[in-house]
Amino acid sequence: MNQATVTLERQVRPVHPGEVIADLLEDLEMTTIDFAKKLDVSAETVEAIVQGRIPVTVDMAIRLGKALDNGPQLWLNLQQKVDIWDTIQEKAEDYGKIYSIS
């Protein structure tokens, strides 16, 4: 089973990257304000991501990857799984009308 199939067939929403960031900040004993300063973004932006209200953008993924020394791809992959799942939930009826042409 490939990764796309796993995401499509998932019954539970994937973890938003903000939840991962919240856990990391807790482990580091760092506030969102201090982390925002490290990332050179507003505390409101970090707080909105941590709360899952906004997505991790490419720019933010690069900042996170540099700050946490794990690269941007991890953050983009986490966000992409959430985006795909959310869109499938929102448009499931429309997608149900589409069949493979191969």
C-alpha atoms as a PDB file:
ATOM      1  CA  MET A   1       0.000   0.000   0.000  1.00  0.00           C
ATOM      2  CA  ASN A   2       1.528   3.331  -1.005  1.00  0.00           C
ATOM      3  CA  GLN A   3       1.545   6.526   1.064  1.00  0.00           C
ATOM      4  CA  ALA A   4      -1.222   8.142  -1.012  1.00  0.00           C
ATOM      5  CA  THR A   5      -3.553   5.210  -0.339  1.00  0.00           C
ATOM      6  CA  VAL A   6      -2.814   5.340   3.386  1.00  0.00           C
ATOM      7  CA  THR A   7      -3.735   9.040   3.497  1.00  0.00           C
ATOM      8  CA  LEU A   8      -6.880   8.527   1.402  1.00  0.00           C
ATOM      9  CA  GLU A   9      -8.178   5.640   3.512  1.00  0.00           C
ATOM     10  CA  ARG A  10      -7.398   7.165   6.894  1.00  0.00           C
ATOM     11  CA  GLN A  11     -10.383   7.286   9.253  1.00  0.00           C
ATOM     12  CA  VAL A  12      -8.867   9.772  11.691  1.00  0.00           C
ATOM     13  CA  ARG A  13      -7.436  13.191  10.851  1.00  0.00           C
ATOM     14  CA  PRO A  14      -3.626  13.181  10.803  1.00  0.00           C
ATOM     15  CA  VAL A  15      -1.805  15.124  13.473  1.00  0.00           C
ATOM     16  CA  HIS A  16      -1.524  18.803  12.590  1.00  0.00           C
ATOM     17  CA  PRO A  17       2.100  19.984  12.604  1.00  0.00           C
ATOM     18  CA  GLY A  18       1.112  22.492  15.276  1.00  0.00           C
ATOM     19  CA  GLU A  19       0.559  19.624  17.719  1.00  0.00           C
ATOM     20  CA  VAL A  20       4.087  18.409  17.052  1.00  0.00           C
ATOM     21  CA  ILE A  21       5.429  21.916  17.587  1.00  0.00           C
ATOM     22  CA  ALA A  22       3.486  22.222  20.852  1.00  0.00           C
ATOM     23  CA  ASP A  23       5.021  18.974  22.094  1.00  0.00           C
ATOM     24  CA  LEU A  24       8.508  20.106  21.081  1.00  0.00           C
ATOM     25  CA  LEU A  25       8.076  23.444  22.828  1.00  0.00           C
ATOM     26  CA  GLU A  26       6.916  21.667  25.953  1.00  0.00           C
ATOM     27  CA  ASP A  27       9.951  19.362  25.851  1.00  0.00           C
ATOM     28  CA  LEU A  28      12.242  22.364  25.308  1.00  0.00           C
ATOM     29  CA  GLU A  29      10.415  24.337  28.017  1.00  0.00           C
ATOM     30  CA  MET A  30      10.056  27.187  25.539  1.00  0.00           C
ATOM     31  CA  THR A  31       7.116  29.548  25.090  1.00  0.00           C
ATOM     32  CA  THR A  32       5.530  30.294  21.751  1.00  0.00           C
ATOM     33  CA  ILE A  33       6.765  33.869  22.186  1.00  0.00           C
ATOM     34  CA  ASP A  34      10.390  32.775  22.566  1.00  0.00           C
ATOM     35  CA  PHE A  35      10.055  30.317  19.679  1.00  0.00           C
ATOM     36  CA  ALA A  36       8.526  33.019  17.470  1.00  0.00           C
ATOM     37  CA  LYS A  37      11.551  35.223  18.163  1.00  0.00           C
ATOM     38  CA  LYS A  38      13.873  32.378  17.107  1.00  0.00           C
ATOM     39  CA  LEU A  39      11.874  31.944  13.892  1.00  0.00           C
ATOM     40  CA  ASP A  40      11.655  35.724  13.290  1.00  0.00           C
ATOM     41  CA  VAL A  41       7.860  35.632  13.016  1.00  0.00           C
ATOM     42  CA  SER A  42       5.054  36.936  15.189  1.00  0.00           C
ATOM     43  CA  ALA A  43       3.971  35.106  18.307  1.00  0.00           C
ATOM     44  CA  GLU A  44       0.437  35.208  16.885  1.00  0.00           C
ATOM     45  CA  THR A  45       1.576  33.189  13.871  1.00  0.00           C
ATOM     46  CA  VAL A  46       3.235  30.518  16.001  1.00  0.00           C
ATOM     47  CA  GLU A  47       0.230  30.385  18.323  1.00  0.00           C
ATOM     48  CA  ALA A  48      -2.170  29.996  15.372  1.00  0.00           C
ATOM     49  CA  ILE A  49      -0.091  27.103  13.996  1.00  0.00           C
ATOM     50  CA  VAL A  50       0.150  25.449  17.406  1.00  0.00           C
ATOM     51  CA  GLN A  51      -3.634  25.717  17.749  1.00  0.00           C
ATOM     52  CA  GLY A  52      -4.090  24.242  14.271  1.00  0.00           C
ATOM     53  CA  ARG A  53      -5.887  27.339  12.985  1.00  0.00           C
ATOM     54  CA  ILE A  54      -3.448  27.988  10.125  1.00  0.00           C
ATOM     55  CA  PRO A  55      -1.265  25.677   8.055  1.00  0.00           C
ATOM     56  CA  VAL A  56       2.502  25.423   7.968  1.00  0.00           C
ATOM     57  CA  THR A  57       3.520  27.264   4.802  1.00  0.00           C
ATOM     58  CA  VAL A  58       6.664  26.602   2.789  1.00  0.00           C
ATOM     59  CA  ASP A  59       8.263  29.666   4.386  1.00  0.00           C
ATOM     60  CA  MET A  60       7.388  28.456   7.878  1.00  0.00           C
ATOM     61  CA  ALA A  61       8.575  24.915   7.073  1.00  0.00           C
ATOM     62  CA  ILE A  62      11.974  26.320   6.089  1.00  0.00           C
ATOM     63  CA  ARG A  63      12.135  28.365   9.301  1.00  0.00           C
ATOM     64  CA  LEU A  64      11.108  25.370  11.427  1.00  0.00           C
ATOM     65  CA  GLY A  65      13.574  23.098   9.646  1.00  0.00           C
ATOM     66  CA  LYS A  66      16.434  25.509  10.251  1.00  0.00           C
ATOM     67  CA  ALA A  67      15.513  26.189  13.892  1.00  0.00           C
ATOM     68  CA  LEU A  68      14.977  22.534  14.745  1.00  0.00           C
ATOM     69  CA  ASP A  69      17.707  21.187  12.460  1.00  0.00           C
ATOM     70  CA  ASN A  70      15.402  18.717  10.741  1.00  0.00           C
ATOM     71  CA  GLY A  71      14.768  20.392   7.389  1.00  0.00           C
ATOM     72  CA  PRO A  72      11.552  21.670   5.849  1.00  0.00           C
ATOM     73  CA  GLN A  73      10.337  18.424   4.276  1.00  0.00           C
ATOM     74  CA  LEU A  74       9.149  16.922   7.567  1.00  0.00           C
ATOM     75  CA  TRP A  75       6.898  19.923   8.207  1.00  0.00           C
ATOM     76  CA  LEU A  76       5.598  20.029   4.655  1.00  0.00           C
ATOM     77  CA  ASN A  77       4.816  16.305   4.739  1.00  0.00           C
ATOM     78  CA  LEU A  78       2.890  16.645   8.004  1.00  0.00           C
ATOM     79  CA  GLN A  79       0.916  19.594   6.619  1.00  0.00           C
ATOM     80  CA  GLN A  80       0.237  17.858   3.314  1.00  0.00           C
ATOM     81  CA  LYS A  81      -1.294  14.845   5.072  1.00  0.00           C
ATOM     82  CA  VAL A  82      -3.650  17.148   6.980  1.00  0.00           C
ATOM     83  CA  ASP A  83      -4.526  19.128   3.837  1.00  0.00           C
ATOM     84  CA  ILE A  84      -5.289  16.011   1.801  1.00  0.00           C
ATOM     85  CA  TRP A  85      -7.406  14.474   4.569  1.00  0.00           C
ATOM     86  CA  ASP A  86      -9.350  17.700   5.191  1.00  0.00           C
ATOM     87  CA  THR A  87     -10.064  18.156   1.484  1.00  0.00           C
ATOM     88  CA  ILE A  88     -11.201  14.555   1.072  1.00  0.00           C
ATOM     89  CA  GLN A  89     -13.598  14.980   3.992  1.00  0.00           C
ATOM     90  CA  GLU A  90     -14.934  18.226   2.551  1.00  0.00           C
ATOM     91  CA  LYS A  91     -15.386  16.954  -1.018  1.00  0.00           C
ATOM     92  CA  ALA A  92     -15.961  13.224  -0.519  1.00  0.00           C
ATOM     93  CA  GLU A  93     -19.243  13.273  -2.432  1.00  0.00           C
ATOM     94  CA  ASP A  94     -17.630  14.972  -5.445  1.00  0.00           C
ATOM     95  CA  TYR A  95     -14.669  12.604  -5.420  1.00  0.00           C
ATOM     96  CA  GLY A  96     -17.003   9.618  -5.222  1.00  0.00           C
ATOM     97  CA  LYS A  97     -18.206  10.485  -8.729  1.00  0.00           C
ATOM     98  CA  ILE A  98     -14.717  10.174 -10.218  1.00  0.00           C
ATOM     99  CA  TYR A  99     -13.436   6.832 -11.490  1.00  0.00           C
ATOM    100  CA  SER A 100     -10.047   5.781 -12.773  1.00  0.00           C
ATOM    101  CA  ILE A 101      -9.637   5.879 -16.553  1.00  0.00           C
ATOM    102  CA  SER A 102      -6.803   3.387 -16.564  1.00  0.00           C
END
